[in-house]
Amino acid sequence: MARLFFMNDYNCGCAPEILARLTKENLTPHVGYGSDEITKEAAQKILDAAGVPEGGVYFAAGGTQANSIVISHFLKTYQGVICAQTGHINCHEAGAIEAMGHKVLTLPEKDKVSAAALETYLKAFYEDESYTAMVQPGMVYISHPTENGTIYSKSELQELYATCKELGLPLFMDGARMGYGLMSEKSDMTLADIAANTDVF
């Protein structure tokens, strides 16, 4: 009997069909560093599925590396990233984000980041007379599903993204468990919905 693990979408080997294709291509020489035709084809398939032909796809070796690259790209040196108290970058990446010089700014919400909680946080932040001496909020991080396994509805994501745009904060959705989120019976989102309501995923 097979056991299921929901840590992420890549916690074991691969589907037999993928392994068969890898075996077939194993002795075929390819240009390295993502310049080969197979990588380009994979990137194009992702763009097509997401409905963003003008987007960019960049492959990383793992989730922590991907999160670090995205967050360090978006933030200025004096900025931090907002996430839920239980957010993966706050609890389970061994301080990787803060080791790169960016503070993780946590909301008291235990699970999902809501538009209302984000607005409340930013209002309190800028009402503090000493806010110029504090780490400035520079972006918002979420995961789908969350660390507790809950998923965002399309309307929740749309509302959060609208608030992020209004506040000038990029919204980043961690993709480590996105396959589970999209395939959940409770999900009402597609990959194209996620692409339309985040700045990067």
N, C-alpha and C. Protein backbone atom coordinates (compact mmCIF):
# COMPACT_ATOMS: atom_id res chain seq x y z
N MET A 1 0.85 -1.18 0.00
CA MET A 1 0.00 0.00 0.00
C MET A 1 0.89 1.24 0.00
N ALA A 2 0.64 2.13 -0.93
CA ALA A 2 1.44 3.35 -1.05
C ALA A 2 1.06 4.34 0.04
N ARG A 3 2.05 5.07 0.54
CA ARG A 3 1.81 6.13 1.53
C ARG A 3 1.93 7.47 0.83
N LEU A 4 1.09 8.41 1.22
CA LEU A 4 1.12 9.74 0.63
C LEU A 4 1.78 10.71 1.61
N PHE A 5 2.66 11.55 1.09
CA PHE A 5 3.31 12.58 1.89
C PHE A 5 3.00 13.93 1.25
N PHE A 6 2.53 14.88 2.05
CA PHE A 6 2.12 16.17 1.53
C PHE A 6 3.09 17.29 1.91
N MET A 7 4.38 16.93 2.11
CA MET A 7 5.36 17.97 2.44
C MET A 7 5.52 18.94 1.29
N ASN A 8 5.59 18.42 0.07
CA ASN A 8 5.73 19.24 -1.13
C ASN A 8 5.41 18.36 -2.33
N ASP A 9 5.48 18.95 -3.50
CA ASP A 9 5.15 18.19 -4.72
C ASP A 9 6.32 17.39 -5.27
N TYR A 10 7.46 17.45 -4.61
CA TYR A 10 8.66 16.79 -5.15
C TYR A 10 9.40 16.01 -4.07
N ASN A 11 8.66 15.34 -3.18
CA ASN A 11 9.29 14.65 -2.05
C ASN A 11 9.64 13.20 -2.34
N CYS A 12 9.49 12.75 -3.56
CA CYS A 12 9.91 11.40 -3.93
C CYS A 12 10.39 11.44 -5.37
N GLY A 13 10.53 10.28 -5.97
CA GLY A 13 11.02 10.22 -7.35
C GLY A 13 10.04 10.84 -8.32
N CYS A 14 9.83 10.23 -9.45
CA CYS A 14 8.95 10.80 -10.45
C CYS A 14 8.02 9.74 -11.01
N ALA A 15 7.05 10.19 -11.78
CA ALA A 15 6.11 9.27 -12.43
C ALA A 15 6.89 8.38 -13.40
N PRO A 16 6.46 7.14 -13.57
CA PRO A 16 7.17 6.23 -14.48
C PRO A 16 7.36 6.80 -15.88
N GLU A 17 6.39 7.57 -16.35
CA GLU A 17 6.50 8.16 -17.68
C GLU A 17 7.66 9.16 -17.76
N ILE A 18 7.85 9.91 -16.69
CA ILE A 18 8.96 10.88 -16.65
C ILE A 18 10.29 10.14 -16.59
N LEU A 19 10.33 9.10 -15.78
CA LEU A 19 11.56 8.32 -15.66
C LEU A 19 11.91 7.66 -17.00
N ALA A 20 10.90 7.18 -17.71
CA ALA A 20 11.14 6.59 -19.03
C ALA A 20 11.70 7.62 -20.00
N ARG A 21 11.17 8.84 -19.95
CA ARG A 21 11.68 9.90 -20.84
C ARG A 21 13.10 10.29 -20.47
N LEU A 22 13.38 10.36 -19.16
CA LEU A 22 14.75 10.66 -18.71
C LEU A 22 15.73 9.60 -19.18
N THR A 23 15.30 8.34 -19.07
CA THR A 23 16.16 7.23 -19.52
C THR A 23 16.41 7.34 -21.02
N LYS A 24 15.38 7.67 -21.77
CA LYS A 24 15.50 7.81 -23.23
C LYS A 24 16.48 8.92 -23.60
N GLU A 25 16.45 10.01 -22.85
CA GLU A 25 17.29 11.18 -23.16
C GLU A 25 18.67 11.11 -22.50
N ASN A 26 18.88 10.12 -21.64
CA ASN A 26 20.06 10.08 -20.80
C ASN A 26 21.38 10.19 -21.56
N LEU A 27 21.51 9.53 -22.68
CA LEU A 27 22.77 9.52 -23.41
C LEU A 27 22.79 10.51 -24.59
N THR A 28 21.75 11.33 -24.68
CA THR A 28 21.70 12.35 -25.73
C THR A 28 22.35 13.63 -25.22
N PRO A 29 23.37 14.14 -25.89
CA PRO A 29 24.00 15.37 -25.42
C PRO A 29 23.07 16.58 -25.59
N HIS A 30 23.06 17.43 -24.58
CA HIS A 30 22.26 18.65 -24.63
C HIS A 30 23.11 19.82 -24.15
N VAL A 31 22.77 21.00 -24.65
CA VAL A 31 23.41 22.22 -24.15
C VAL A 31 22.99 22.38 -22.69
N GLY A 32 23.88 22.82 -21.84
CA GLY A 32 23.59 22.94 -20.41
C GLY A 32 22.94 24.25 -20.00
N TYR A 33 22.74 24.38 -18.70
CA TYR A 33 22.27 25.62 -18.06
C TYR A 33 20.92 26.09 -18.54
N GLY A 34 20.03 25.14 -18.85
CA GLY A 34 18.67 25.50 -19.22
C GLY A 34 18.49 25.98 -20.64
N SER A 35 19.51 25.84 -21.47
CA SER A 35 19.42 26.30 -22.86
C SER A 35 19.01 25.21 -23.83
N ASP A 36 18.76 24.01 -23.32
CA ASP A 36 18.40 22.89 -24.20
C ASP A 36 16.93 22.98 -24.61
N GLU A 37 16.58 22.27 -25.65
CA GLU A 37 15.23 22.31 -26.21
C GLU A 37 14.18 21.73 -25.26
N ILE A 38 14.54 20.73 -24.49
CA ILE A 38 13.57 20.12 -23.57
C ILE A 38 13.17 21.12 -22.49
N THR A 39 14.15 21.83 -21.93
CA THR A 39 13.85 22.85 -20.91
C THR A 39 13.00 23.96 -21.50
N LYS A 40 13.34 24.40 -22.70
CA LYS A 40 12.56 25.46 -23.36
C LYS A 40 11.12 25.00 -23.61
N GLU A 41 10.97 23.73 -24.02
CA GLU A 41 9.63 23.19 -24.26
C GLU A 41 8.83 23.13 -22.96
N ALA A 42 9.48 22.71 -21.88
CA ALA A 42 8.81 22.64 -20.57
C ALA A 42 8.36 24.03 -20.12
N ALA A 43 9.24 25.02 -20.29
CA ALA A 43 8.90 26.39 -19.90
C ALA A 43 7.71 26.89 -20.70
N GLN A 44 7.69 26.61 -21.99
CA GLN A 44 6.59 27.06 -22.84
C GLN A 44 5.27 26.41 -22.43
N LYS A 45 5.32 25.13 -22.05
CA LYS A 45 4.10 24.44 -21.61
C LYS A 45 3.55 25.06 -20.33
N ILE A 46 4.44 25.47 -19.45
CA ILE A 46 4.00 26.13 -18.21
C ILE A 46 3.37 27.47 -18.52
N LEU A 47 4.00 28.25 -19.41
CA LEU A 47 3.44 29.54 -19.80
C LEU A 47 2.07 29.38 -20.45
N ASP A 48 1.94 28.38 -21.31
CA ASP A 48 0.66 28.13 -21.98
C ASP A 48 -0.42 27.76 -20.97
N ALA A 49 -0.08 26.87 -20.03
CA ALA A 49 -1.05 26.44 -19.02
C ALA A 49 -1.46 27.59 -18.10
N ALA A 50 -0.51 28.50 -17.84
CA ALA A 50 -0.78 29.64 -16.96
C ALA A 50 -1.45 30.79 -17.71
N GLY A 51 -1.46 30.74 -19.03
CA GLY A 51 -2.07 31.79 -19.81
C GLY A 51 -1.30 33.09 -19.79
N VAL A 52 0.02 33.00 -19.65
CA VAL A 52 0.86 34.20 -19.63
C VAL A 52 2.01 34.05 -20.63
N PRO A 53 1.72 34.21 -21.91
CA PRO A 53 2.75 34.01 -22.93
C PRO A 53 3.94 34.95 -22.80
N GLU A 54 3.72 36.09 -22.15
CA GLU A 54 4.82 37.05 -21.98
C GLU A 54 5.59 36.83 -20.68
N GLY A 55 5.22 35.83 -19.91
CA GLY A 55 5.88 35.58 -18.63
C GLY A 55 7.24 34.93 -18.78
N GLY A 56 7.87 34.66 -17.66
CA GLY A 56 9.17 34.00 -17.64
C GLY A 56 9.14 32.80 -16.72
N VAL A 57 9.78 31.72 -17.10
CA VAL A 57 9.88 30.52 -16.28
C VAL A 57 11.36 30.28 -15.98
N TYR A 58 11.68 30.12 -14.70
CA TYR A 58 13.06 29.90 -14.28
C TYR A 58 13.09 28.70 -13.35
N PHE A 59 13.89 27.73 -13.68
CA PHE A 59 13.95 26.50 -12.89
C PHE A 59 15.01 26.61 -11.80
N ALA A 60 14.66 26.12 -10.61
CA ALA A 60 15.60 26.10 -9.48
C ALA A 60 15.68 24.67 -8.96
N ALA A 61 16.74 24.39 -8.21
CA ALA A 61 16.97 23.03 -7.72
C ALA A 61 16.00 22.61 -6.63
N GLY A 62 15.40 23.54 -5.92
CA GLY A 62 14.50 23.20 -4.83
C GLY A 62 13.72 24.41 -4.36
N GLY A 63 12.79 24.17 -3.44
CA GLY A 63 11.90 25.22 -2.98
C GLY A 63 12.59 26.33 -2.21
N THR A 64 13.50 26.00 -1.31
CA THR A 64 14.18 27.02 -0.53
C THR A 64 14.99 27.93 -1.45
N GLN A 65 15.66 27.34 -2.41
CA GLN A 65 16.43 28.13 -3.36
C GLN A 65 15.51 29.05 -4.16
N ALA A 66 14.38 28.52 -4.62
CA ALA A 66 13.44 29.32 -5.38
C ALA A 66 12.91 30.49 -4.54
N ASN A 67 12.52 30.21 -3.30
CA ASN A 67 12.01 31.26 -2.42
C ASN A 67 13.07 32.32 -2.18
N SER A 68 14.30 31.91 -1.94
CA SER A 68 15.39 32.86 -1.68
C SER A 68 15.65 33.74 -2.90
N ILE A 69 15.65 33.14 -4.08
CA ILE A 69 15.90 33.89 -5.31
C ILE A 69 14.80 34.93 -5.54
N VAL A 70 13.55 34.51 -5.42
CA VAL A 70 12.44 35.43 -5.68
C VAL A 70 12.44 36.57 -4.67
N ILE A 71 12.54 36.24 -3.40
CA ILE A 71 12.46 37.26 -2.36
C ILE A 71 13.63 38.24 -2.45
N SER A 72 14.84 37.75 -2.66
CA SER A 72 15.98 38.66 -2.76
C SER A 72 15.91 39.51 -4.02
N HIS A 73 15.23 39.01 -5.07
CA HIS A 73 15.07 39.80 -6.30
C HIS A 73 14.12 40.98 -6.08
N PHE A 74 13.03 40.74 -5.37
CA PHE A 74 12.01 41.77 -5.22
C PHE A 74 12.35 42.82 -4.16
N LEU A 75 13.08 42.43 -3.11
CA LEU A 75 13.27 43.33 -1.98
C LEU A 75 14.53 44.18 -2.09
N LYS A 76 14.39 45.42 -1.63
CA LYS A 76 15.56 46.27 -1.43
C LYS A 76 16.22 45.84 -0.12
N THR A 77 17.43 46.30 0.10
CA THR A 77 18.21 45.83 1.26
C THR A 77 17.54 46.12 2.60
N TYR A 78 16.72 47.15 2.67
CA TYR A 78 16.10 47.55 3.94
C TYR A 78 14.67 47.03 4.08
N GLN A 79 14.26 46.13 3.20
CA GLN A 79 12.88 45.65 3.22
C GLN A 79 12.77 44.21 3.72
N GLY A 80 11.57 43.86 4.19
CA GLY A 80 11.28 42.51 4.63
C GLY A 80 10.07 41.96 3.90
N VAL A 81 9.79 40.69 4.11
CA VAL A 81 8.69 40.01 3.44
C VAL A 81 7.62 39.63 4.46
N ILE A 82 6.37 39.97 4.16
CA ILE A 82 5.25 39.69 5.05
C ILE A 82 4.70 38.30 4.76
N CYS A 83 4.44 37.55 5.84
CA CYS A 83 3.80 36.24 5.68
C CYS A 83 3.00 35.91 6.93
N ALA A 84 2.21 34.86 6.86
CA ALA A 84 1.49 34.38 8.05
C ALA A 84 2.50 33.88 9.07
N GLN A 85 2.10 33.88 10.32
CA GLN A 85 2.97 33.40 11.40
C GLN A 85 3.46 31.98 11.13
N THR A 86 2.61 31.18 10.51
CA THR A 86 2.97 29.80 10.21
C THR A 86 3.57 29.64 8.81
N GLY A 87 3.84 30.73 8.13
CA GLY A 87 4.36 30.67 6.78
C GLY A 87 5.64 29.84 6.68
N HIS A 88 5.77 29.13 5.58
CA HIS A 88 6.90 28.22 5.39
C HIS A 88 8.24 28.93 5.54
N ILE A 89 8.35 30.13 5.00
CA ILE A 89 9.62 30.85 5.08
C ILE A 89 9.94 31.30 6.50
N ASN A 90 8.93 31.32 7.35
CA ASN A 90 9.16 31.71 8.74
C ASN A 90 9.48 30.51 9.62
N CYS A 91 8.88 29.36 9.32
CA CYS A 91 8.98 28.20 10.23
C CYS A 91 9.88 27.06 9.76
N HIS A 92 10.03 26.87 8.46
CA HIS A 92 10.62 25.63 7.99
C HIS A 92 11.75 25.77 6.97
N GLU A 93 12.37 26.88 6.87
CA GLU A 93 13.48 26.99 5.91
C GLU A 93 14.78 27.37 6.60
N ALA A 94 14.86 27.03 7.87
CA ALA A 94 16.11 27.17 8.64
C ALA A 94 16.71 28.57 8.56
N GLY A 95 15.84 29.57 8.51
CA GLY A 95 16.32 30.95 8.49
C GLY A 95 16.95 31.37 7.18
N ALA A 96 16.68 30.66 6.09
CA ALA A 96 17.33 30.94 4.80
C ALA A 96 17.08 32.36 4.32
N ILE A 97 15.86 32.85 4.49
CA ILE A 97 15.52 34.19 4.00
C ILE A 97 16.27 35.24 4.83
N GLU A 98 16.24 35.09 6.13
CA GLU A 98 16.92 36.06 6.99
C GLU A 98 18.43 35.94 6.88
N ALA A 99 18.93 34.75 6.57
CA ALA A 99 20.38 34.60 6.36
C ALA A 99 20.84 35.40 5.15
N MET A 100 19.92 35.67 4.21
CA MET A 100 20.24 36.46 3.02
C MET A 100 20.04 37.95 3.28
N GLY A 101 19.67 38.31 4.52
CA GLY A 101 19.58 39.72 4.88
C GLY A 101 18.20 40.33 4.83
N HIS A 102 17.15 39.52 4.71
CA HIS A 102 15.79 40.06 4.65
C HIS A 102 14.95 39.49 5.78
N LYS A 103 14.42 40.39 6.61
CA LYS A 103 13.60 39.96 7.74
C LYS A 103 12.25 39.43 7.27
N VAL A 104 11.78 38.39 7.95
CA VAL A 104 10.44 37.86 7.71
C VAL A 104 9.51 38.55 8.71
N LEU A 105 8.53 39.28 8.18
CA LEU A 105 7.59 40.05 8.99
C LEU A 105 6.29 39.26 9.09
N THR A 106 5.98 38.76 10.29
CA THR A 106 4.85 37.84 10.41
C THR A 106 3.57 38.54 10.86
N LEU A 107 2.47 38.09 10.28
CA LEU A 107 1.14 38.52 10.70
C LEU A 107 0.66 37.56 11.78
N PRO A 108 -0.15 38.02 12.70
CA PRO A 108 -0.61 37.14 13.78
C PRO A 108 -1.53 36.02 13.30
N GLU A 109 -2.06 36.16 12.08
CA GLU A 109 -2.92 35.08 11.55
C GLU A 109 -2.12 33.78 11.52
N LYS A 110 -2.73 32.69 11.93
CA LYS A 110 -2.01 31.43 12.02
C LYS A 110 -1.93 30.69 10.70
N ASP A 111 -2.74 31.09 9.72
CA ASP A 111 -2.81 30.28 8.52
C ASP A 111 -2.70 31.13 7.26
N LYS A 112 -3.82 31.56 6.74
CA LYS A 112 -3.81 32.33 5.50
C LYS A 112 -3.59 33.82 5.77
N VAL A 113 -3.02 34.50 4.79
CA VAL A 113 -2.90 35.95 4.83
C VAL A 113 -4.15 36.51 4.17
N SER A 114 -4.91 37.31 4.91
CA SER A 114 -6.11 37.91 4.34
C SER A 114 -5.85 39.37 3.98
N ALA A 115 -6.66 39.87 3.07
CA ALA A 115 -6.53 41.28 2.68
C ALA A 115 -6.75 42.19 3.89
N ALA A 116 -7.72 41.85 4.73
CA ALA A 116 -8.02 42.67 5.91
C ALA A 116 -6.84 42.70 6.89
N ALA A 117 -6.23 41.54 7.13
CA ALA A 117 -5.10 41.49 8.06
C ALA A 117 -3.91 42.27 7.50
N LEU A 118 -3.70 42.19 6.20
CA LEU A 118 -2.61 42.93 5.58
C LEU A 118 -2.83 44.43 5.72
N GLU A 119 -4.04 44.88 5.46
CA GLU A 119 -4.36 46.31 5.60
C GLU A 119 -4.17 46.78 7.03
N THR A 120 -4.61 45.97 8.00
CA THR A 120 -4.46 46.31 9.42
C THR A 120 -2.98 46.41 9.79
N TYR A 121 -2.19 45.47 9.32
CA TYR A 121 -0.76 45.46 9.61
C TYR A 121 -0.08 46.72 9.05
N LEU A 122 -0.36 47.04 7.79
CA LEU A 122 0.28 48.19 7.16
C LEU A 122 -0.17 49.50 7.80
N LYS A 123 -1.43 49.59 8.18
CA LYS A 123 -1.94 50.80 8.84
C LYS A 123 -1.21 51.02 10.15
N ALA A 124 -1.10 49.96 10.97
CA ALA A 124 -0.40 50.07 12.25
C ALA A 124 1.07 50.39 12.04
N PHE A 125 1.67 49.80 11.02
CA PHE A 125 3.09 50.03 10.74
C PHE A 125 3.35 51.50 10.46
N TYR A 126 2.58 52.09 9.57
CA TYR A 126 2.83 53.48 9.17
C TYR A 126 2.32 54.50 10.17
N GLU A 127 1.49 54.07 11.11
CA GLU A 127 1.07 54.96 12.19
C GLU A 127 2.11 55.04 13.30
N ASP A 128 3.04 54.11 13.32
CA ASP A 128 4.13 54.14 14.30
C ASP A 128 5.09 55.26 13.92
N GLU A 129 5.30 56.19 14.80
CA GLU A 129 6.13 57.36 14.49
C GLU A 129 7.57 56.99 14.17
N SER A 130 8.01 55.81 14.60
CA SER A 130 9.39 55.41 14.35
C SER A 130 9.51 54.44 13.17
N TYR A 131 8.49 54.40 12.30
CA TYR A 131 8.50 53.38 11.23
C TYR A 131 9.69 53.53 10.28
N THR A 132 10.23 54.75 10.16
CA THR A 132 11.37 54.92 9.24
C THR A 132 12.62 54.23 9.75
N ALA A 133 12.63 53.87 11.02
CA ALA A 133 13.78 53.15 11.60
C ALA A 133 13.52 51.66 11.68
N MET A 134 12.44 51.20 11.07
CA MET A 134 12.06 49.79 11.13
C MET A 134 12.23 49.15 9.75
N VAL A 135 12.27 47.82 9.73
CA VAL A 135 12.33 47.09 8.45
C VAL A 135 11.05 47.38 7.68
N GLN A 136 11.18 47.87 6.46
CA GLN A 136 10.04 48.26 5.65
C GLN A 136 9.41 47.04 4.97
N PRO A 137 8.07 46.93 5.00
CA PRO A 137 7.41 45.84 4.27
C PRO A 137 7.63 46.02 2.77
N GLY A 138 8.09 44.96 2.09
CA GLY A 138 8.40 45.10 0.68
C GLY A 138 7.66 44.14 -0.23
N MET A 139 7.08 43.07 0.31
CA MET A 139 6.33 42.12 -0.50
C MET A 139 5.53 41.20 0.42
N VAL A 140 4.65 40.39 -0.16
CA VAL A 140 3.83 39.45 0.60
C VAL A 140 4.06 38.04 0.07
N TYR A 141 4.20 37.10 0.99
CA TYR A 141 4.43 35.69 0.67
C TYR A 141 3.26 34.85 1.17
N ILE A 142 2.77 33.95 0.33
CA ILE A 142 1.76 32.98 0.74
C ILE A 142 2.12 31.62 0.14
N SER A 143 1.49 30.57 0.64
CA SER A 143 1.62 29.27 0.00
C SER A 143 0.24 28.67 -0.15
N HIS A 144 0.09 27.79 -1.14
CA HIS A 144 -1.21 27.21 -1.48
C HIS A 144 -1.00 25.74 -1.81
N PRO A 145 -1.31 24.85 -0.87
CA PRO A 145 -1.92 25.04 0.44
C PRO A 145 -0.94 25.67 1.45
N THR A 146 -1.51 26.08 2.58
CA THR A 146 -0.70 26.63 3.65
C THR A 146 0.00 25.50 4.40
N GLU A 147 0.77 25.86 5.40
CA GLU A 147 1.43 24.85 6.23
C GLU A 147 0.43 23.94 6.93
N ASN A 148 -0.77 24.46 7.16
CA ASN A 148 -1.81 23.67 7.83
C ASN A 148 -2.72 22.94 6.86
N GLY A 149 -2.44 23.06 5.56
CA GLY A 149 -3.21 22.32 4.57
C GLY A 149 -4.44 23.03 4.04
N THR A 150 -4.70 24.25 4.48
CA THR A 150 -5.86 24.98 3.95
C THR A 150 -5.49 25.64 2.62
N ILE A 151 -6.51 25.87 1.81
CA ILE A 151 -6.26 26.45 0.50
C ILE A 151 -6.97 27.79 0.36
N TYR A 152 -6.44 28.61 -0.52
CA TYR A 152 -7.07 29.89 -0.83
C TYR A 152 -8.17 29.67 -1.86
N SER A 153 -9.28 30.34 -1.68
CA SER A 153 -10.30 30.35 -2.73
C SER A 153 -9.90 31.40 -3.76
N LYS A 154 -10.49 31.32 -4.91
CA LYS A 154 -10.20 32.30 -5.97
C LYS A 154 -10.54 33.71 -5.49
N SER A 155 -11.68 33.86 -4.82
CA SER A 155 -12.08 35.20 -4.35
C SER A 155 -11.13 35.72 -3.28
N GLU A 156 -10.64 34.85 -2.40
CA GLU A 156 -9.67 35.28 -1.38
C GLU A 156 -8.38 35.76 -2.03
N LEU A 157 -7.92 35.01 -3.02
CA LEU A 157 -6.68 35.39 -3.71
C LEU A 157 -6.88 36.69 -4.48
N GLN A 158 -8.01 36.84 -5.14
CA GLN A 158 -8.28 38.07 -5.89
C GLN A 158 -8.30 39.28 -4.96
N GLU A 159 -8.96 39.13 -3.82
CA GLU A 159 -9.05 40.23 -2.85
C GLU A 159 -7.68 40.58 -2.30
N LEU A 160 -6.89 39.55 -1.97
CA LEU A 160 -5.54 39.80 -1.45
C LEU A 160 -4.68 40.47 -2.50
N TYR A 161 -4.74 40.01 -3.73
CA TYR A 161 -3.92 40.59 -4.79
C TYR A 161 -4.32 42.04 -5.08
N ALA A 162 -5.61 42.32 -5.06
CA ALA A 162 -6.07 43.69 -5.27
C ALA A 162 -5.52 44.61 -4.17
N THR A 163 -5.51 44.11 -2.94
CA THR A 163 -4.98 44.89 -1.82
C THR A 163 -3.48 45.08 -1.97
N CYS A 164 -2.77 44.03 -2.37
CA CYS A 164 -1.33 44.14 -2.58
C CYS A 164 -1.01 45.18 -3.65
N LYS A 165 -1.76 45.17 -4.74
CA LYS A 165 -1.53 46.15 -5.81
C LYS A 165 -1.80 47.57 -5.32
N GLU A 166 -2.86 47.71 -4.55
CA GLU A 166 -3.21 49.03 -4.00
C GLU A 166 -2.11 49.54 -3.06
N LEU A 167 -1.49 48.62 -2.32
CA LEU A 167 -0.44 48.99 -1.36
C LEU A 167 0.96 48.99 -1.98
N GLY A 168 1.05 48.58 -3.23
CA GLY A 168 2.36 48.56 -3.91
C GLY A 168 3.27 47.44 -3.45
N LEU A 169 2.68 46.31 -3.04
CA LEU A 169 3.46 45.17 -2.56
C LEU A 169 3.31 43.99 -3.51
N PRO A 170 4.39 43.48 -4.10
CA PRO A 170 4.29 42.29 -4.93
C PRO A 170 3.79 41.10 -4.11
N LEU A 171 2.99 40.23 -4.74
CA LEU A 171 2.48 39.03 -4.09
C LEU A 171 3.16 37.81 -4.68
N PHE A 172 3.76 37.00 -3.81
CA PHE A 172 4.50 35.80 -4.21
C PHE A 172 3.82 34.58 -3.62
N MET A 173 3.43 33.62 -4.48
CA MET A 173 2.88 32.35 -4.00
C MET A 173 3.93 31.26 -4.15
N ASP A 174 4.30 30.65 -3.04
CA ASP A 174 5.23 29.53 -3.02
C ASP A 174 4.58 28.36 -3.76
N GLY A 175 5.32 27.75 -4.67
CA GLY A 175 4.75 26.68 -5.48
C GLY A 175 5.07 25.28 -5.01
N ALA A 176 5.68 25.13 -3.83
CA ALA A 176 6.14 23.80 -3.40
C ALA A 176 5.02 22.77 -3.30
N ARG A 177 3.81 23.21 -2.93
CA ARG A 177 2.68 22.29 -2.82
C ARG A 177 1.52 22.71 -3.72
N MET A 178 1.80 23.54 -4.70
CA MET A 178 0.75 24.09 -5.54
C MET A 178 -0.05 23.01 -6.27
N GLY A 179 0.61 21.93 -6.65
CA GLY A 179 -0.09 20.83 -7.31
C GLY A 179 -1.20 20.27 -6.44
N TYR A 180 -0.91 20.10 -5.14
CA TYR A 180 -1.93 19.63 -4.21
C TYR A 180 -3.08 20.63 -4.13
N GLY A 181 -2.74 21.90 -4.06
CA GLY A 181 -3.76 22.94 -3.94
C GLY A 181 -4.67 22.98 -5.15
N LEU A 182 -4.09 22.90 -6.33
CA LEU A 182 -4.89 22.95 -7.56
C LEU A 182 -5.76 21.72 -7.73
N MET A 183 -5.28 20.58 -7.26
CA MET A 183 -6.04 19.34 -7.45
C MET A 183 -7.01 19.04 -6.31
N SER A 184 -7.02 19.87 -5.28
CA SER A 184 -7.94 19.66 -4.17
C SER A 184 -9.38 19.76 -4.65
N GLU A 185 -10.24 18.91 -4.10
CA GLU A 185 -11.66 18.97 -4.44
C GLU A 185 -12.29 20.28 -3.98
N LYS A 186 -11.66 20.94 -3.03
CA LYS A 186 -12.19 22.21 -2.52
C LYS A 186 -11.69 23.41 -3.31
N SER A 187 -10.77 23.18 -4.22
CA SER A 187 -10.18 24.29 -4.98
C SER A 187 -11.10 24.75 -6.09
N ASP A 188 -11.21 26.06 -6.26
CA ASP A 188 -11.96 26.61 -7.38
C ASP A 188 -11.04 27.43 -8.29
N MET A 189 -9.73 27.12 -8.22
CA MET A 189 -8.75 27.87 -9.00
C MET A 189 -8.06 26.99 -10.03
N THR A 190 -7.58 27.64 -11.08
CA THR A 190 -6.73 27.02 -12.08
C THR A 190 -5.36 27.68 -12.01
N LEU A 191 -4.40 27.12 -12.72
CA LEU A 191 -3.08 27.75 -12.78
C LEU A 191 -3.18 29.14 -13.38
N ALA A 192 -4.06 29.32 -14.35
CA ALA A 192 -4.24 30.64 -14.96
C ALA A 192 -4.79 31.64 -13.95
N ASP A 193 -5.66 31.20 -13.04
CA ASP A 193 -6.18 32.09 -11.98
C ASP A 193 -5.05 32.54 -11.07
N ILE A 194 -4.16 31.61 -10.72
CA ILE A 194 -3.02 31.96 -9.87
C ILE A 194 -2.11 32.95 -10.59
N ALA A 195 -1.85 32.69 -11.86
CA ALA A 195 -0.99 33.59 -12.64
C ALA A 195 -1.59 34.98 -12.74
N ALA A 196 -2.91 35.07 -12.83
CA ALA A 196 -3.58 36.37 -12.97
C ALA A 196 -3.66 37.14 -11.66
N ASN A 197 -3.46 36.45 -10.53
CA ASN A 197 -3.65 37.08 -9.23
C ASN A 197 -2.43 37.01 -8.32
N THR A 198 -1.27 36.87 -8.92
CA THR A 198 0.00 36.97 -8.19
C THR A 198 0.99 37.66 -9.11
N ASP A 199 2.09 38.12 -8.54
CA ASP A 199 3.16 38.69 -9.36
C ASP A 199 4.19 37.63 -9.74
N VAL A 200 4.31 36.62 -8.90
CA VAL A 200 5.23 35.51 -9.17
C VAL A 200 4.76 34.30 -8.39
N PHE A 201 4.92 33.12 -8.96
CA PHE A 201 4.57 31.88 -8.25
C PHE A 201 5.53 30.80 -8.68
